[in-house]
Amino acid sequence: MKFSWLPLRRRERGTDARAASRYRASSQVASVGHGDKVVLLDLRSEQYYSLDDVGAKIWHIMAETPSSEEIATKLAEAYDAPVDIIRQDVDAFVNGLVRDRLVEKV
């Protein structure tokens, strides 16, 4: 997935009143770091997935703070990019992980 905010280097501050979704890695998924990437193995299907550096950062942040809002805020700070755009990309990325049963919504 291409993240549209990576080339942006301006900061927008703001809050979103909507409730943030919370996620956790499925207990049926094993993960291992490989350089700046993360490799996931779905133990049910025995299918591998590779996350690039930004996907890996989302994966690691999700383990610490499972709220989509908190994930977007941390990425906005790390990449100095607009949190509203990041939030949309995080939601799309994590929804793909949910679709593939790698992550569960809690």
Protein backbone atom coordinates (compact mmCIF):
# COMPACT_ATOMS: atom_id res chain seq x y z
CA MET A 1 0.00 0.00 0.00
CA LYS A 2 1.32 3.43 -0.87
CA PHE A 3 0.94 5.94 1.94
CA SER A 4 -0.03 9.30 0.48
CA TRP A 5 1.39 11.36 3.33
CA LEU A 6 4.99 10.17 3.29
CA PRO A 7 6.25 12.98 1.03
CA LEU A 8 4.48 15.62 3.11
CA ARG A 9 6.56 17.48 5.63
CA ARG A 10 4.09 19.90 7.13
CA ARG A 11 2.26 19.43 10.41
CA GLU A 12 -1.43 19.89 10.90
CA ARG A 13 -2.86 19.72 14.36
CA GLY A 14 -6.43 18.89 15.15
CA THR A 15 -8.64 16.45 16.92
CA ASP A 16 -11.24 14.10 15.68
CA ALA A 17 -14.30 13.61 17.86
CA ARG A 18 -15.11 10.19 16.40
CA ALA A 19 -14.43 7.12 18.45
CA ALA A 20 -11.18 5.43 17.56
CA SER A 21 -11.22 1.77 16.65
CA ARG A 22 -8.99 -0.58 18.62
CA TYR A 23 -7.13 -3.56 17.19
CA ARG A 24 -4.87 -6.42 18.21
CA ALA A 25 -2.86 -9.00 16.32
CA SER A 26 -4.63 -12.30 15.85
CA SER A 27 -3.42 -15.10 18.10
CA GLN A 28 -3.12 -17.16 14.90
CA VAL A 29 -0.41 -14.89 13.46
CA ALA A 30 3.31 -15.11 14.10
CA SER A 31 5.52 -12.13 13.31
CA VAL A 32 9.25 -11.57 13.03
CA GLY A 33 11.28 -8.47 12.25
CA HIS A 34 13.56 -8.60 9.23
CA GLY A 35 15.58 -5.41 8.93
CA ASP A 36 13.09 -2.55 8.80
CA LYS A 37 10.34 -4.90 7.65
CA VAL A 38 8.06 -7.38 9.42
CA VAL A 39 7.11 -10.80 8.08
CA LEU A 40 3.78 -12.24 9.23
CA LEU A 41 2.72 -15.88 9.05
CA ASP A 42 -0.95 -16.75 9.21
CA LEU A 43 -0.81 -20.07 11.05
CA ARG A 44 -4.24 -21.11 9.75
CA SER A 45 -3.49 -20.74 6.05
CA GLU A 46 0.32 -20.95 6.28
CA GLN A 47 0.47 -17.82 4.11
CA TYR A 48 3.25 -15.26 4.57
CA TYR A 49 2.81 -11.48 4.44
CA SER A 50 5.53 -8.85 4.28
CA LEU A 51 5.09 -5.38 5.75
CA ASP A 52 7.30 -2.55 4.53
CA ASP A 53 8.91 -0.10 6.95
CA VAL A 54 5.73 1.96 7.50
CA GLY A 55 3.53 -1.15 7.80
CA ALA A 56 6.05 -2.56 10.29
CA LYS A 57 5.92 0.67 12.30
CA ILE A 58 2.09 0.43 12.38
CA TRP A 59 2.35 -3.22 13.47
CA HIS A 60 4.71 -2.33 16.33
CA ILE A 61 2.70 0.71 17.45
CA MET A 62 -0.50 -1.36 17.39
CA ALA A 63 1.09 -3.78 19.88
CA GLU A 64 1.70 -0.88 22.29
CA THR A 65 -1.35 1.31 21.65
CA PRO A 66 -4.13 -0.49 19.77
CA SER A 67 -6.22 2.62 19.09
CA SER A 68 -6.27 3.74 15.45
CA GLU A 69 -6.25 7.34 16.66
CA GLU A 70 -3.11 6.76 18.76
CA ILE A 71 -1.41 4.97 15.87
CA ALA A 72 -2.14 7.91 13.55
CA THR A 73 -0.93 10.43 16.14
CA LYS A 74 2.37 8.60 16.68
CA LEU A 75 2.96 8.32 12.92
CA ALA A 76 2.18 12.02 12.47
CA GLU A 77 4.85 12.83 15.03
CA ALA A 78 7.37 10.41 13.50
CA TYR A 79 6.86 11.56 9.90
CA ASP A 80 5.84 15.18 10.56
CA ALA A 81 2.78 14.72 8.38
CA PRO A 82 -0.93 15.65 8.68
CA VAL A 83 -2.70 13.39 11.16
CA ASP A 84 -5.99 13.51 9.20
CA ILE A 85 -4.39 12.00 6.09
CA ILE A 86 -2.42 9.49 8.15
CA ARG A 87 -5.60 8.43 9.97
CA GLN A 88 -7.27 7.58 6.64
CA ASP A 89 -4.26 5.55 5.51
CA VAL A 90 -3.97 3.76 8.87
CA ASP A 91 -7.68 2.86 8.74
CA ALA A 92 -7.33 1.50 5.19
CA PHE A 93 -4.17 -0.45 6.04
CA VAL A 94 -5.52 -1.95 9.26
CA ASN A 95 -8.86 -2.79 7.60
CA GLY A 96 -6.83 -4.82 5.07
CA LEU A 97 -5.16 -6.67 7.93
CA VAL A 98 -8.60 -7.33 9.46
CA ARG A 99 -9.91 -8.56 6.10
CA ASP A 100 -6.98 -10.99 5.87
CA ARG A 101 -7.65 -12.09 9.50
CA LEU A 102 -4.20 -10.97 10.65
CA VAL A 103 -5.68 -8.44 13.06
CA GLU A 104 -8.87 -8.46 15.12
CA LYS A 105 -10.99 -5.48 15.99
CA VAL A 106 -11.58 -5.30 19.76
